[in-house]
Amino acid sequence: MLEISKNYVMDENQQPIAVQISIADFEKIEEILENCGLVKLMAESESDEHLTKEEALKYYQCLKKKNVAN
């Protein structure tokens, strides 16, 4: 399991309002989420033809660029 080191940010009433994580942990989480998205894209192919990992990654990168441009 992924071990995430986190620091809680508290408000003036000592209630947690945010969490800080390292860039390395954030990048691990981001990679896991992207991999889940790739699996979903591969499974949701609209035809009987399934996407390979490389095809799904290429398609995902294209979608990611479109979202950043918007």
PDB file of N, CA and C in Angstrom:
ATOM      1  N   MET A   1       0.840  -1.179   0.000  1.00  0.00           N
ATOM      2  CA  MET A   1       0.000   0.000   0.000  1.00  0.00           C
ATOM      3  C   MET A   1       0.887   1.245   0.000  1.00  0.00           C
ATOM      4  N   LEU A   2       0.403   2.289  -0.636  1.00  0.00           N
ATOM      5  CA  LEU A   2       1.136   3.546  -0.725  1.00  0.00           C
ATOM      6  C   LEU A   2       1.130   4.251   0.627  1.00  0.00           C
ATOM      7  N   GLU A   3       2.310   4.518   1.134  1.00  0.00           N
ATOM      8  CA  GLU A   3       2.442   5.243   2.402  1.00  0.00           C
ATOM      9  C   GLU A   3       2.581   6.722   2.086  1.00  0.00           C
ATOM     10  N   ILE A   4       1.657   7.539   2.573  1.00  0.00           N
ATOM     11  CA  ILE A   4       1.658   8.970   2.292  1.00  0.00           C
ATOM     12  C   ILE A   4       1.938   9.734   3.580  1.00  0.00           C
ATOM     13  N   SER A   5       3.003  10.519   3.547  1.00  0.00           N
ATOM     14  CA  SER A   5       3.324  11.377   4.674  1.00  0.00           C
ATOM     15  C   SER A   5       2.530  12.664   4.512  1.00  0.00           C
ATOM     16  N   LYS A   6       1.781  13.043   5.528  1.00  0.00           N
ATOM     17  CA  LYS A   6       0.924  14.222   5.402  1.00  0.00           C
ATOM     18  C   LYS A   6       1.018  15.114   6.627  1.00  0.00           C
ATOM     19  N   ASN A   7       0.830  16.391   6.395  1.00  0.00           N
ATOM     20  CA  ASN A   7       0.785  17.396   7.457  1.00  0.00           C
ATOM     21  C   ASN A   7      -0.583  18.060   7.404  1.00  0.00           C
ATOM     22  N   TYR A   8      -1.250  18.105   8.522  1.00  0.00           N
ATOM     23  CA  TYR A   8      -2.577  18.717   8.576  1.00  0.00           C
ATOM     24  C   TYR A   8      -2.451  20.208   8.860  1.00  0.00           C
ATOM     25  N   VAL A   9      -3.229  20.996   8.151  1.00  0.00           N
ATOM     26  CA  VAL A   9      -3.299  22.441   8.372  1.00  0.00           C
ATOM     27  C   VAL A   9      -4.562  22.696   9.186  1.00  0.00           C
ATOM     28  N   MET A  10      -4.408  23.381  10.304  1.00  0.00           N
ATOM     29  CA  MET A  10      -5.524  23.624  11.215  1.00  0.00           C
ATOM     30  C   MET A  10      -5.951  25.090  11.175  1.00  0.00           C
ATOM     31  N   ASP A  11      -7.225  25.327  11.447  1.00  0.00           N
ATOM     32  CA  ASP A  11      -7.695  26.707  11.563  1.00  0.00           C
ATOM     33  C   ASP A  11      -7.497  27.189  12.996  1.00  0.00           C
ATOM     34  N   GLU A  12      -7.984  28.383  13.282  1.00  0.00           N
ATOM     35  CA  GLU A  12      -7.780  28.961  14.621  1.00  0.00           C
ATOM     36  C   GLU A  12      -8.480  28.163  15.721  1.00  0.00           C
ATOM     37  N   ASN A  13      -9.451  27.322  15.353  1.00  0.00           N
ATOM     38  CA  ASN A  13     -10.141  26.470  16.328  1.00  0.00           C
ATOM     39  C   ASN A  13      -9.572  25.057  16.371  1.00  0.00           C
ATOM     40  N   GLN A  14      -8.409  24.903  15.775  1.00  0.00           N
ATOM     41  CA  GLN A  14      -7.717  23.605  15.722  1.00  0.00           C
ATOM     42  C   GLN A  14      -8.525  22.535  14.975  1.00  0.00           C
ATOM     43  N   GLN A  15      -9.306  22.984  14.008  1.00  0.00           N
ATOM     44  CA  GLN A  15     -10.040  22.059  13.138  1.00  0.00           C
ATOM     45  C   GLN A  15      -9.237  21.884  11.848  1.00  0.00           C
ATOM     46  N   PRO A  16      -9.075  20.644  11.381  1.00  0.00           N
ATOM     47  CA  PRO A  16      -8.312  20.439  10.147  1.00  0.00           C
ATOM     48  C   PRO A  16      -9.053  21.040   8.946  1.00  0.00           C
ATOM     49  N   ILE A  17      -8.321  21.814   8.140  1.00  0.00           N
ATOM     50  CA  ILE A  17      -8.933  22.449   6.969  1.00  0.00           C
ATOM     51  C   ILE A  17      -8.219  22.091   5.670  1.00  0.00           C
ATOM     52  N   ALA A  18      -7.027  21.512   5.771  1.00  0.00           N
ATOM     53  CA  ALA A  18      -6.283  21.138   4.574  1.00  0.00           C
ATOM     54  C   ALA A  18      -5.217  20.115   4.945  1.00  0.00           C
ATOM     55  N   VAL A  19      -4.640  19.521   3.916  1.00  0.00           N
ATOM     56  CA  VAL A  19      -3.559  18.564   4.104  1.00  0.00           C
ATOM     57  C   VAL A  19      -2.442  18.904   3.135  1.00  0.00           C
ATOM     58  N   GLN A  20      -1.217  18.880   3.614  1.00  0.00           N
ATOM     59  CA  GLN A  20      -0.045  19.071   2.770  1.00  0.00           C
ATOM     60  C   GLN A  20       0.621  17.718   2.571  1.00  0.00           C
ATOM     61  N   ILE A  21       0.987  17.448   1.310  1.00  0.00           N
ATOM     62  CA  ILE A  21       1.754  16.233   1.009  1.00  0.00           C
ATOM     63  C   ILE A  21       2.957  16.636   0.161  1.00  0.00           C
ATOM     64  N   SER A  22       3.951  15.780   0.139  1.00  0.00           N
ATOM     65  CA  SER A  22       5.149  16.069  -0.644  1.00  0.00           C
ATOM     66  C   SER A  22       4.829  15.963  -2.138  1.00  0.00           C
ATOM     67  N   ILE A  23       5.634  16.616  -2.943  1.00  0.00           N
ATOM     68  CA  ILE A  23       5.487  16.535  -4.399  1.00  0.00           C
ATOM     69  C   ILE A  23       5.622  15.078  -4.848  1.00  0.00           C
ATOM     70  N   ALA A  24       6.556  14.351  -4.268  1.00  0.00           N
ATOM     71  CA  ALA A  24       6.760  12.946  -4.643  1.00  0.00           C
ATOM     72  C   ALA A  24       5.502  12.129  -4.388  1.00  0.00           C
ATOM     73  N   ASP A  25       4.863  12.316  -3.228  1.00  0.00           N
ATOM     74  CA  ASP A  25       3.627  11.596  -2.928  1.00  0.00           C
ATOM     75  C   ASP A  25       2.505  12.023  -3.878  1.00  0.00           C
ATOM     76  N   PHE A  26       2.433  13.327  -4.154  1.00  0.00           N
ATOM     77  CA  PHE A  26       1.420  13.815  -5.087  1.00  0.00           C
ATOM     78  C   PHE A  26       1.603  13.181  -6.459  1.00  0.00           C
ATOM     79  N   GLU A  27       2.844  13.101  -6.942  1.00  0.00           N
ATOM     80  CA  GLU A  27       3.107  12.509  -8.246  1.00  0.00           C
ATOM     81  C   GLU A  27       2.757  11.027  -8.273  1.00  0.00           C
ATOM     82  N   LYS A  28       2.987  10.315  -7.156  1.00  0.00           N
ATOM     83  CA  LYS A  28       2.588   8.901  -7.070  1.00  0.00           C
ATOM     84  C   LYS A  28       1.073   8.774  -7.178  1.00  0.00           C
ATOM     85  N   ILE A  29       0.350   9.618  -6.461  1.00  0.00           N
ATOM     86  CA  ILE A  29      -1.117   9.596  -6.497  1.00  0.00           C
ATOM     87  C   ILE A  29      -1.607   9.922  -7.899  1.00  0.00           C
ATOM     88  N   GLU A  30      -1.000  10.932  -8.511  1.00  0.00           N
ATOM     89  CA  GLU A  30      -1.383  11.331  -9.860  1.00  0.00           C
ATOM     90  C   GLU A  30      -1.176  10.185 -10.848  1.00  0.00           C
ATOM     91  N   GLU A  31      -0.050   9.479 -10.727  1.00  0.00           N
ATOM     92  CA  GLU A  31       0.234   8.347 -11.610  1.00  0.00           C
ATOM     93  C   GLU A  31      -0.790   7.232 -11.418  1.00  0.00           C
ATOM     94  N   ILE A  32      -1.145   6.960 -10.172  1.00  0.00           N
ATOM     95  CA  ILE A  32      -2.145   5.925  -9.890  1.00  0.00           C
ATOM     96  C   ILE A  32      -3.484   6.297 -10.525  1.00  0.00           C
ATOM     97  N   LEU A  33      -3.896   7.555 -10.373  1.00  0.00           N
ATOM     98  CA  LEU A  33      -5.156   8.006 -10.953  1.00  0.00           C
ATOM     99  C   LEU A  33      -5.126   7.945 -12.476  1.00  0.00           C
ATOM    100  N   GLU A  34      -4.003   8.329 -13.071  1.00  0.00           N
ATOM    101  CA  GLU A  34      -3.879   8.255 -14.527  1.00  0.00           C
ATOM    102  C   GLU A  34      -3.952   6.816 -15.002  1.00  0.00           C
ATOM    103  N   ASN A  35      -3.310   5.908 -14.278  1.00  0.00           N
ATOM    104  CA  ASN A  35      -3.364   4.494 -14.656  1.00  0.00           C
ATOM    105  C   ASN A  35      -4.794   3.956 -14.563  1.00  0.00           C
ATOM    106  N   CYS A  36      -5.522   4.382 -13.532  1.00  0.00           N
ATOM    107  CA  CYS A  36      -6.929   3.973 -13.415  1.00  0.00           C
ATOM    108  C   CYS A  36      -7.737   4.507 -14.596  1.00  0.00           C
ATOM    109  N   GLY A  37      -7.454   5.753 -14.990  1.00  0.00           N
ATOM    110  CA  GLY A  37      -8.128   6.338 -16.131  1.00  0.00           C
ATOM    111  C   GLY A  37      -7.814   5.588 -17.416  1.00  0.00           C
ATOM    112  N   LEU A  38      -6.567   5.167 -17.570  1.00  0.00           N
ATOM    113  CA  LEU A  38      -6.191   4.399 -18.755  1.00  0.00           C
ATOM    114  C   LEU A  38      -6.924   3.066 -18.805  1.00  0.00           C
ATOM    115  N   VAL A  39      -7.007   2.401 -17.674  1.00  0.00           N
ATOM    116  CA  VAL A  39      -7.731   1.123 -17.620  1.00  0.00           C
ATOM    117  C   VAL A  39      -9.189   1.334 -18.002  1.00  0.00           C
ATOM    118  N   LYS A  40      -9.779   2.419 -17.498  1.00  0.00           N
ATOM    119  CA  LYS A  40     -11.177   2.722 -17.819  1.00  0.00           C
ATOM    120  C   LYS A  40     -11.340   2.995 -19.309  1.00  0.00           C
ATOM    121  N   LEU A  41     -10.434   3.776 -19.897  1.00  0.00           N
ATOM    122  CA  LEU A  41     -10.498   4.037 -21.335  1.00  0.00           C
ATOM    123  C   LEU A  41     -10.380   2.752 -22.138  1.00  0.00           C
ATOM    124  N   MET A  42      -9.485   1.892 -21.716  1.00  0.00           N
ATOM    125  CA  MET A  42      -9.290   0.633 -22.421  1.00  0.00           C
ATOM    126  C   MET A  42     -10.540  -0.226 -22.331  1.00  0.00           C
ATOM    127  N   ALA A  43     -11.202  -0.239 -21.187  1.00  0.00           N
ATOM    128  CA  ALA A  43     -12.391  -1.068 -20.984  1.00  0.00           C
ATOM    129  C   ALA A  43     -13.612  -0.496 -21.685  1.00  0.00           C
ATOM    130  N   GLU A  44     -13.662   0.844 -21.844  1.00  0.00           N
ATOM    131  CA  GLU A  44     -14.836   1.476 -22.418  1.00  0.00           C
ATOM    132  C   GLU A  44     -14.749   1.679 -23.926  1.00  0.00           C
ATOM    133  N   SER A  45     -13.818   1.038 -24.551  1.00  0.00           N
ATOM    134  CA  SER A  45     -13.698   1.154 -25.999  1.00  0.00           C
ATOM    135  C   SER A  45     -15.053   0.878 -26.635  1.00  0.00           C
ATOM    136  N   GLU A  46     -15.468   1.745 -27.577  1.00  0.00           N
ATOM    137  CA  GLU A  46     -16.806   1.663 -28.145  1.00  0.00           C
ATOM    138  C   GLU A  46     -16.967   0.559 -29.182  1.00  0.00           C
ATOM    139  N   SER A  47     -15.933  -0.126 -29.497  1.00  0.00           N
ATOM    140  CA  SER A  47     -16.047  -1.206 -30.476  1.00  0.00           C
ATOM    141  C   SER A  47     -15.556  -2.502 -29.842  1.00  0.00           C
ATOM    142  N   ASP A  48     -15.597  -3.555 -30.624  1.00  0.00           N
ATOM    143  CA  ASP A  48     -15.078  -4.833 -30.140  1.00  0.00           C
ATOM    144  C   ASP A  48     -13.557  -4.797 -30.037  1.00  0.00           C
ATOM    145  N   GLU A  49     -12.960  -3.800 -30.658  1.00  0.00           N
ATOM    146  CA  GLU A  49     -11.514  -3.651 -30.652  1.00  0.00           C
ATOM    147  C   GLU A  49     -11.105  -2.894 -29.389  1.00  0.00           C
ATOM    148  N   HIS A  50     -10.257  -3.485 -28.583  1.00  0.00           N
ATOM    149  CA  HIS A  50      -9.801  -2.838 -27.350  1.00  0.00           C
ATOM    150  C   HIS A  50      -8.525  -2.064 -27.612  1.00  0.00           C
ATOM    151  N   LEU A  51      -8.343  -0.981 -26.865  1.00  0.00           N
ATOM    152  CA  LEU A  51      -7.135  -0.186 -26.979  1.00  0.00           C
ATOM    153  C   LEU A  51      -5.974  -0.882 -26.283  1.00  0.00           C
ATOM    154  N   THR A  52      -4.807  -0.774 -26.900  1.00  0.00           N
ATOM    155  CA  THR A  52      -3.607  -1.250 -26.212  1.00  0.00           C
ATOM    156  C   THR A  52      -3.225  -0.195 -25.179  1.00  0.00           C
ATOM    157  N   LYS A  53      -2.314  -0.539 -24.309  1.00  0.00           N
ATOM    158  CA  LYS A  53      -1.866   0.413 -23.304  1.00  0.00           C
ATOM    159  C   LYS A  53      -1.290   1.661 -23.975  1.00  0.00           C
ATOM    160  N   GLU A  54      -0.498   1.465 -25.032  1.00  0.00           N
ATOM    161  CA  GLU A  54       0.119   2.586 -25.724  1.00  0.00           C
ATOM    162  C   GLU A  54      -0.939   3.469 -26.394  1.00  0.00           C
ATOM    163  N   GLU A  55      -1.951   2.852 -27.016  1.00  0.00           N
ATOM    164  CA  GLU A  55      -3.021   3.613 -27.658  1.00  0.00           C
ATOM    165  C   GLU A  55      -3.826   4.404 -26.629  1.00  0.00           C
ATOM    166  N   ALA A  56      -4.123   3.763 -25.513  1.00  0.00           N
ATOM    167  CA  ALA A  56      -4.882   4.436 -24.459  1.00  0.00           C
ATOM    168  C   ALA A  56      -4.083   5.599 -23.880  1.00  0.00           C
ATOM    169  N   LEU A  57      -2.788   5.403 -23.690  1.00  0.00           N
ATOM    170  CA  LEU A  57      -1.932   6.463 -23.158  1.00  0.00           C
ATOM    171  C   LEU A  57      -1.871   7.638 -24.126  1.00  0.00           C
ATOM    172  N   LYS A  58      -1.718   7.350 -25.423  1.00  0.00           N
ATOM    173  CA  LYS A  58      -1.686   8.407 -26.433  1.00  0.00           C
ATOM    174  C   LYS A  58      -3.004   9.181 -26.445  1.00  0.00           C
ATOM    175  N   TYR A  59      -4.118   8.456 -26.404  1.00  0.00           N
ATOM    176  CA  TYR A  59      -5.431   9.092 -26.393  1.00  0.00           C
ATOM    177  C   TYR A  59      -5.616   9.926 -25.120  1.00  0.00           C
ATOM    178  N   TYR A  60      -5.197   9.390 -23.992  1.00  0.00           N
ATOM    179  CA  TYR A  60      -5.310  10.104 -22.719  1.00  0.00           C
ATOM    180  C   TYR A  60      -4.499  11.399 -22.747  1.00  0.00           C
ATOM    181  N   GLN A  61      -3.275  11.338 -23.279  1.00  0.00           N
ATOM    182  CA  GLN A  61      -2.433  12.535 -23.360  1.00  0.00           C
ATOM    183  C   GLN A  61      -3.095  13.593 -24.232  1.00  0.00           C
ATOM    184  N   CYS A  62      -3.750  13.160 -25.305  1.00  0.00           N
ATOM    185  CA  CYS A  62      -4.474  14.077 -26.177  1.00  0.00           C
ATOM    186  C   CYS A  62      -5.609  14.753 -25.404  1.00  0.00           C
ATOM    187  N   LEU A  63      -6.368  13.982 -24.646  1.00  0.00           N
ATOM    188  CA  LEU A  63      -7.457  14.537 -23.839  1.00  0.00           C
ATOM    189  C   LEU A  63      -6.917  15.503 -22.792  1.00  0.00           C
ATOM    190  N   LYS A  64      -5.803  15.144 -22.180  1.00  0.00           N
ATOM    191  CA  LYS A  64      -5.195  15.960 -21.140  1.00  0.00           C
ATOM    192  C   LYS A  64      -4.774  17.317 -21.715  1.00  0.00           C
ATOM    193  N   LYS A  65      -4.188  17.319 -22.909  1.00  0.00           N
ATOM    194  CA  LYS A  65      -3.763  18.568 -23.553  1.00  0.00           C
ATOM    195  C   LYS A  65      -4.968  19.439 -23.864  1.00  0.00           C
ATOM    196  N   LYS A  66      -6.071  18.830 -24.321  1.00  0.00           N
ATOM    197  CA  LYS A  66      -7.285  19.591 -24.627  1.00  0.00           C
ATOM    198  C   LYS A  66      -7.829  20.251 -23.366  1.00  0.00           C
ATOM    199  N   ASN A  67      -7.830  19.548 -22.245  1.00  0.00           N
ATOM    200  CA  ASN A  67      -8.338  20.084 -20.986  1.00  0.00           C
ATOM    201  C   ASN A  67      -7.453  21.208 -20.466  1.00  0.00           C
ATOM    202  N   VAL A  68      -6.163  21.130 -20.663  1.00  0.00           N
ATOM    203  CA  VAL A  68      -5.245  22.173 -20.207  1.00  0.00           C
ATOM    204  C   VAL A  68      -5.442  23.421 -21.060  1.00  0.00           C
ATOM    205  N   ALA A  69      -5.704  23.237 -22.352  1.00  0.00           N
ATOM    206  CA  ALA A  69      -5.886  24.369 -23.264  1.00  0.00           C
ATOM    207  C   ALA A  69      -7.181  25.132 -22.962  1.00  0.00           C
ATOM    208  N   ASN A  70      -8.171  24.449 -22.401  1.00  0.00           N
ATOM    209  CA  ASN A  70      -9.451  25.085 -22.094  1.00  0.00           C
ATOM    210  C   ASN A  70      -9.362  25.807 -20.821  1.00  0.00           C
TER     211      ASN A  70
END
